Amino acid sequence: MYRILHLSDPHFGAANRQQADAIIEVAEKLDPDFTLVTGDFSMRARRREMRDAAAWYLKLPTPRMAIPGNHDVPLLNHLCDRFFNSFGRYKAYIEPQLEPAELLPVGKIIGLNSSTPFGLHIDWSRGFLTPAQGRRIETAFDGVDENLFRFVAFHHPLHRKGESTRILIHPLTLIQHALATGQVDIVFAGHFHQSYAGLIDLHHKQRNVIVSQAPTCCSTRLKGEPAGFHLIHLAPEKQSISIEYFSWHQNAFSHTEIKHFRKIGNRWDTVTSA
């Protein structure tokens, strides 16, 4: 069994330090095979926030991968950096690559930068992928064994709660088409500070995808639920995946629930047990 620790949105500058330290402790105990952080390391990409985030990130189990979030770009009080060196601080402190890729024993993972420092739209926190990024999803897994998993990670989400009006990553049709063409098994995301582990229909080629949207792991900016994270259990030989949710309760992170998925043909189904 191969395990991926999925963390998101630590937001140093508005982080609960007790929880941030507890993440390191529980990560050491869980001893995952791979660690992924899907963005928003900081609040405003201030240098002191990035230094704190980097010190925390370097304590996480290796191998590890990170992608930036919209909060990892300086705000309007650093206009020159926002417009002309948008991800310079992220690259200097966290990771030099904005869109990393890694071959794992169980498959391949690619990261995409869905954050835009500025645009014609009013809300600059929104997430976008370009046609070029869509083509990368479609072709990045060429040559990957069909029995191994294909993972894509970006910061902005594919799913929202039914009552929410929050904006999903855009353009959704292009992204769904790319995920179906690339035969992606799991999408990792964050941003909403709300946990979701489930299936999304891609409306193309009869395919669907598992979504692991992790809540904030240690930010004080909560959105109706406690801080937490996901632990993904992968069994390629059985074509099965489980997503385990841990949440903060009584001054510790503990297991909350687990969801199981199994691939039948080209589609994933939810199953009641592993």
Protein backbone atom coordinates (compact mmCIF):
# COMPACT_ATOMS: atom_id res chain seq x y z
CA MET A 1 0.00 0.00 0.00
CA TYR A 2 1.37 3.39 -1.06
CA ARG A 3 0.28 6.46 0.91
CA ILE A 4 0.19 10.16 -0.02
CA LEU A 5 -0.19 12.82 2.67
CA HIS A 6 -2.26 15.68 1.23
CA LEU A 7 -1.99 19.02 3.03
CA SER A 8 -3.26 22.42 1.93
CA ASP A 9 -3.59 26.08 2.89
CA PRO A 10 -1.35 26.42 5.96
CA HIS A 11 -1.47 30.24 5.56
CA PHE A 12 1.56 31.28 7.58
CA GLY A 13 0.83 34.78 8.77
CA ALA A 14 -2.54 33.49 9.99
CA ALA A 15 -1.50 30.01 11.13
CA ASN A 16 -2.33 28.24 14.38
CA ARG A 17 1.18 27.38 15.55
CA GLN A 18 0.01 24.54 17.76
CA GLN A 19 -1.64 22.90 14.76
CA ALA A 20 1.34 23.62 12.49
CA ASP A 21 3.65 21.84 14.95
CA ALA A 22 1.14 19.01 15.37
CA ILE A 23 1.13 18.47 11.59
CA ILE A 24 4.86 17.79 11.70
CA GLU A 25 4.47 15.36 14.60
CA VAL A 26 1.58 13.41 13.10
CA ALA A 27 3.27 13.34 9.68
CA GLU A 28 6.33 11.71 11.22
CA LYS A 29 4.12 9.09 12.87
CA LEU A 30 2.12 8.40 9.72
CA ASP A 31 5.36 8.14 7.69
CA PRO A 32 3.76 8.63 4.25
CA ASP A 33 5.50 7.59 1.05
CA PHE A 34 4.92 11.02 -0.52
CA THR A 35 3.83 14.44 0.78
CA LEU A 36 1.87 16.98 -1.26
CA VAL A 37 0.98 20.57 -0.30
CA THR A 38 -1.53 22.25 -2.61
CA GLY A 39 -0.72 25.90 -2.06
CA ASP A 40 -1.41 28.98 0.06
CA PHE A 41 1.67 28.65 2.21
CA SER A 42 1.32 32.28 3.27
CA MET A 43 -1.26 35.00 3.77
CA ARG A 44 0.32 37.84 1.78
CA ALA A 45 3.64 36.36 0.59
CA ARG A 46 5.51 38.53 3.06
CA ARG A 47 9.10 37.41 3.47
CA ARG A 48 8.68 36.52 7.14
CA GLU A 49 5.60 34.43 6.25
CA MET A 50 7.52 32.65 3.53
CA ARG A 51 10.45 31.98 5.86
CA ASP A 52 8.12 30.44 8.45
CA ALA A 53 6.36 28.41 5.77
CA ALA A 54 9.66 27.17 4.34
CA ALA A 55 10.93 26.08 7.77
CA TRP A 56 7.69 24.13 8.30
CA TYR A 57 7.68 22.65 4.77
CA LEU A 58 11.25 21.38 5.10
CA LYS A 59 10.24 19.36 8.19
CA LEU A 60 7.58 17.40 6.28
CA PRO A 61 8.37 13.84 5.19
CA THR A 62 10.15 13.37 1.89
CA PRO A 63 9.77 12.98 -1.02
CA ARG A 64 7.48 15.98 -1.18
CA MET A 65 5.94 18.30 -3.74
CA ALA A 66 4.31 21.72 -3.57
CA ILE A 67 2.37 24.02 -5.86
CA PRO A 68 1.55 27.70 -5.23
CA GLY A 69 -1.80 29.19 -4.27
CA ASN A 70 -3.29 32.61 -4.86
CA HIS A 71 -2.10 33.82 -1.42
CA ASP A 72 1.50 33.03 -2.37
CA VAL A 73 1.57 36.19 -4.52
CA PRO A 74 2.32 39.57 -2.86
CA LEU A 75 -0.73 41.73 -2.29
CA LEU A 76 -1.25 45.29 -3.51
CA ASN A 77 1.15 46.78 -0.95
CA HIS A 78 3.92 45.13 -3.02
CA LEU A 79 2.72 46.14 -6.47
CA CYS A 80 6.05 45.74 -8.25
CA ASP A 81 6.45 42.18 -7.02
CA ARG A 82 2.82 41.31 -7.72
CA PHE A 83 2.97 42.46 -11.33
CA PHE A 84 6.60 41.82 -12.27
CA ASN A 85 7.83 39.06 -9.94
CA SER A 86 4.58 37.39 -8.95
CA PHE A 87 5.93 34.05 -7.74
CA GLY A 88 9.50 35.14 -7.02
CA ARG A 89 9.18 34.79 -3.27
CA TYR A 90 7.46 31.43 -3.54
CA LYS A 91 10.25 30.14 -5.79
CA ALA A 92 12.95 31.54 -3.53
CA TYR A 93 11.56 30.13 -0.28
CA ILE A 94 9.34 27.13 -1.08
CA GLU A 95 10.08 25.48 -4.44
CA PRO A 96 11.84 26.76 -7.58
CA GLN A 97 9.35 25.03 -9.89
CA LEU A 98 5.76 26.25 -10.16
CA GLU A 99 4.59 23.17 -12.05
CA PRO A 100 6.57 20.14 -10.91
CA ALA A 101 6.13 16.55 -12.01
CA GLU A 102 7.22 13.34 -10.35
CA LEU A 103 7.26 9.67 -11.24
CA LEU A 104 6.13 7.58 -8.29
CA PRO A 105 6.21 3.79 -7.83
CA VAL A 106 2.41 3.81 -8.23
CA GLY A 107 2.14 6.27 -11.13
CA LYS A 108 2.84 9.88 -12.06
CA ILE A 109 1.82 13.21 -10.52
CA ILE A 110 1.91 16.60 -12.23
CA GLY A 111 1.37 19.96 -10.58
CA LEU A 112 -0.26 22.95 -12.28
CA ASN A 113 -0.27 26.59 -11.22
CA SER A 114 -3.91 27.69 -11.23
CA SER A 115 -3.27 31.06 -9.56
CA THR A 116 -3.30 34.30 -11.58
CA PRO A 117 -1.66 37.39 -10.02
CA PHE A 118 -3.93 39.77 -11.97
CA GLY A 119 -6.47 39.80 -14.79
CA LEU A 120 -9.46 41.52 -16.31
CA HIS A 121 -11.79 39.81 -13.82
CA ILE A 122 -12.53 41.57 -10.52
CA ASP A 123 -11.72 38.66 -8.21
CA TRP A 124 -7.99 37.95 -8.56
CA SER A 125 -8.24 35.01 -6.15
CA ARG A 126 -10.03 32.95 -8.80
CA GLY A 127 -8.37 29.93 -10.36
CA PHE A 128 -7.72 29.38 -14.06
CA LEU A 129 -5.97 26.88 -16.29
CA THR A 130 -4.87 27.82 -19.80
CA PRO A 131 -5.36 25.74 -22.96
CA ALA A 132 -1.62 24.96 -22.81
CA GLN A 133 -2.04 23.58 -19.30
CA GLY A 134 -4.99 21.54 -20.53
CA ARG A 135 -2.82 20.05 -23.26
CA ARG A 136 -0.20 19.21 -20.65
CA ILE A 137 -2.77 17.20 -18.70
CA GLU A 138 -3.75 15.39 -21.89
CA THR A 139 -0.17 14.42 -22.84
CA ALA A 140 1.78 14.25 -19.55
CA PHE A 141 0.83 10.63 -18.94
CA ASP A 142 1.80 9.27 -22.35
CA GLY A 143 3.84 6.16 -21.71
CA VAL A 144 2.56 5.64 -18.16
CA ASP A 145 1.45 2.04 -17.63
CA GLU A 146 -2.35 1.85 -17.82
CA ASN A 147 -2.39 -0.10 -14.54
CA LEU A 148 -0.68 2.73 -12.66
CA PHE A 149 -2.32 5.89 -11.33
CA ARG A 150 -2.40 9.36 -12.87
CA PHE A 151 -2.54 12.34 -10.52
CA VAL A 152 -3.04 16.06 -11.14
CA ALA A 153 -2.66 18.75 -8.47
CA PHE A 154 -3.72 22.39 -8.57
CA HIS A 155 -4.79 24.82 -5.87
CA HIS A 156 -8.32 25.77 -6.94
CA PRO A 157 -11.22 23.35 -6.52
CA LEU A 158 -13.42 21.28 -8.81
CA HIS A 159 -16.17 20.85 -6.22
CA ARG A 160 -18.24 23.07 -3.93
CA LYS A 161 -20.93 22.31 -1.42
CA GLY A 162 -24.44 22.46 -2.82
CA GLU A 163 -25.43 25.64 -1.04
CA SER A 164 -22.21 27.48 -1.91
CA THR A 165 -21.90 30.10 -4.63
CA ARG A 166 -18.10 30.13 -4.56
CA ILE A 167 -16.44 30.02 -7.96
CA LEU A 168 -14.80 26.82 -9.18
CA ILE A 169 -11.65 26.60 -11.25
CA HIS A 170 -12.19 27.92 -14.79
CA PRO A 171 -12.82 27.02 -17.60
CA LEU A 172 -14.46 23.92 -16.23
CA THR A 173 -15.35 22.37 -19.61
CA LEU A 174 -11.76 22.58 -20.86
CA ILE A 175 -10.44 21.09 -17.62
CA GLN A 176 -12.95 18.25 -17.58
CA HIS A 177 -12.09 17.41 -21.20
CA ALA A 178 -8.35 17.41 -20.41
CA LEU A 179 -8.76 15.23 -17.31
CA ALA A 180 -10.86 12.71 -19.26
CA THR A 181 -8.44 12.64 -22.20
CA GLY A 182 -5.47 12.24 -19.88
CA GLN A 183 -7.34 9.45 -18.03
CA VAL A 184 -6.61 11.11 -14.70
CA ASP A 185 -7.55 9.14 -11.57
CA ILE A 186 -7.24 11.76 -8.81
CA VAL A 187 -7.28 15.55 -8.69
CA PHE A 188 -5.76 17.15 -5.58
CA ALA A 189 -6.85 20.69 -4.62
CA GLY A 190 -7.56 23.03 -1.71
CA HIS A 191 -8.53 26.74 -1.52
CA PHE A 192 -12.03 26.50 0.02
CA HIS A 193 -10.76 25.33 3.47
CA GLN A 194 -13.41 22.60 3.34
CA SER A 195 -12.83 18.87 3.03
CA TYR A 196 -14.23 16.85 0.14
CA ALA A 197 -13.40 13.32 -0.93
CA GLY A 198 -15.62 12.02 -3.70
CA LEU A 199 -16.31 11.60 -7.39
CA ILE A 200 -16.82 14.20 -10.12
CA ASP A 201 -18.28 13.27 -13.50
CA LEU A 202 -16.19 14.66 -16.35
CA HIS A 203 -18.99 14.56 -18.97
CA HIS A 204 -16.54 13.26 -21.55
CA LYS A 205 -15.57 9.76 -22.68
CA GLN A 206 -17.74 8.34 -19.89
CA ARG A 207 -15.02 9.09 -17.38
CA ASN A 208 -15.06 10.44 -13.87
CA VAL A 209 -12.32 11.41 -11.41
CA ILE A 210 -11.70 11.13 -7.68
CA VAL A 211 -11.27 14.50 -5.98
CA SER A 212 -9.22 15.05 -2.82
CA GLN A 213 -9.95 18.61 -1.71
CA ALA A 214 -8.14 19.12 1.55
CA PRO A 215 -9.25 21.66 4.18
CA THR A 216 -6.78 24.09 5.69
CA CYS A 217 -4.25 22.14 7.71
CA CYS A 218 -3.48 24.87 10.25
CA SER A 219 -4.95 28.25 9.32
CA THR A 220 -7.07 30.25 11.73
CA ARG A 221 -9.28 31.18 8.74
CA LEU A 222 -11.80 28.37 9.11
CA LYS A 223 -14.80 27.88 6.82
CA GLY A 224 -17.27 26.01 9.00
CA GLU A 225 -15.10 23.01 9.86
CA PRO A 226 -11.90 22.33 11.82
CA ALA A 227 -8.43 22.17 10.35
CA GLY A 228 -7.46 18.82 8.89
CA PHE A 229 -5.83 16.88 6.07
CA HIS A 230 -6.20 13.79 3.89
CA LEU A 231 -4.18 10.58 3.75
CA ILE A 232 -4.61 8.71 0.48
CA HIS A 233 -4.12 4.93 0.39
CA LEU A 234 -3.31 3.52 -3.06
CA ALA A 235 -3.35 -0.08 -4.25
CA PRO A 236 -2.66 -0.18 -8.02
CA GLU A 237 -2.87 -3.97 -8.22
CA LYS A 238 -6.44 -3.82 -6.92
CA GLN A 239 -7.28 -0.55 -8.71
CA SER A 240 -8.48 0.78 -5.38
CA ILE A 241 -8.03 4.09 -3.58
CA SER A 242 -9.08 5.19 -0.10
CA ILE A 243 -9.08 8.74 1.26
CA GLU A 244 -8.79 9.06 5.03
CA TYR A 245 -9.76 12.36 6.65
CA PHE A 246 -8.05 13.62 9.82
CA SER A 247 -9.41 16.64 11.71
CA TRP A 248 -8.40 18.71 14.72
CA HIS A 249 -10.21 17.64 17.86
CA GLN A 250 -9.26 18.11 21.50
CA ASN A 251 -5.83 19.52 20.67
CA ALA A 252 -4.79 16.76 18.31
CA PHE A 253 -5.34 15.52 14.77
CA SER A 254 -7.28 12.27 14.69
CA HIS A 255 -8.99 10.01 12.19
CA THR A 256 -12.50 11.19 11.30
CA GLU A 257 -13.67 9.07 8.38
CA ILE A 258 -12.47 7.13 5.34
CA LYS A 259 -13.95 6.74 1.88
CA HIS A 260 -13.16 3.89 -0.48
CA PHE A 261 -13.15 3.84 -4.29
CA ARG A 262 -12.62 1.07 -6.83
CA LYS A 263 -12.13 1.29 -10.58
CA ILE A 264 -14.44 -0.74 -12.78
CA GLY A 265 -13.63 -0.37 -16.45
CA ASN A 266 -12.96 3.31 -17.10
CA ARG A 267 -14.92 4.64 -14.12
CA TRP A 268 -14.45 4.91 -10.39
CA ASP A 269 -17.19 3.78 -8.00
CA THR A 270 -17.66 4.39 -4.30
CA VAL A 271 -17.56 1.17 -2.28
CA THR A 272 -18.63 0.57 1.30
CA SER A 273 -15.37 -1.12 2.34
CA ALA A 274 -11.86 -1.61 1.06
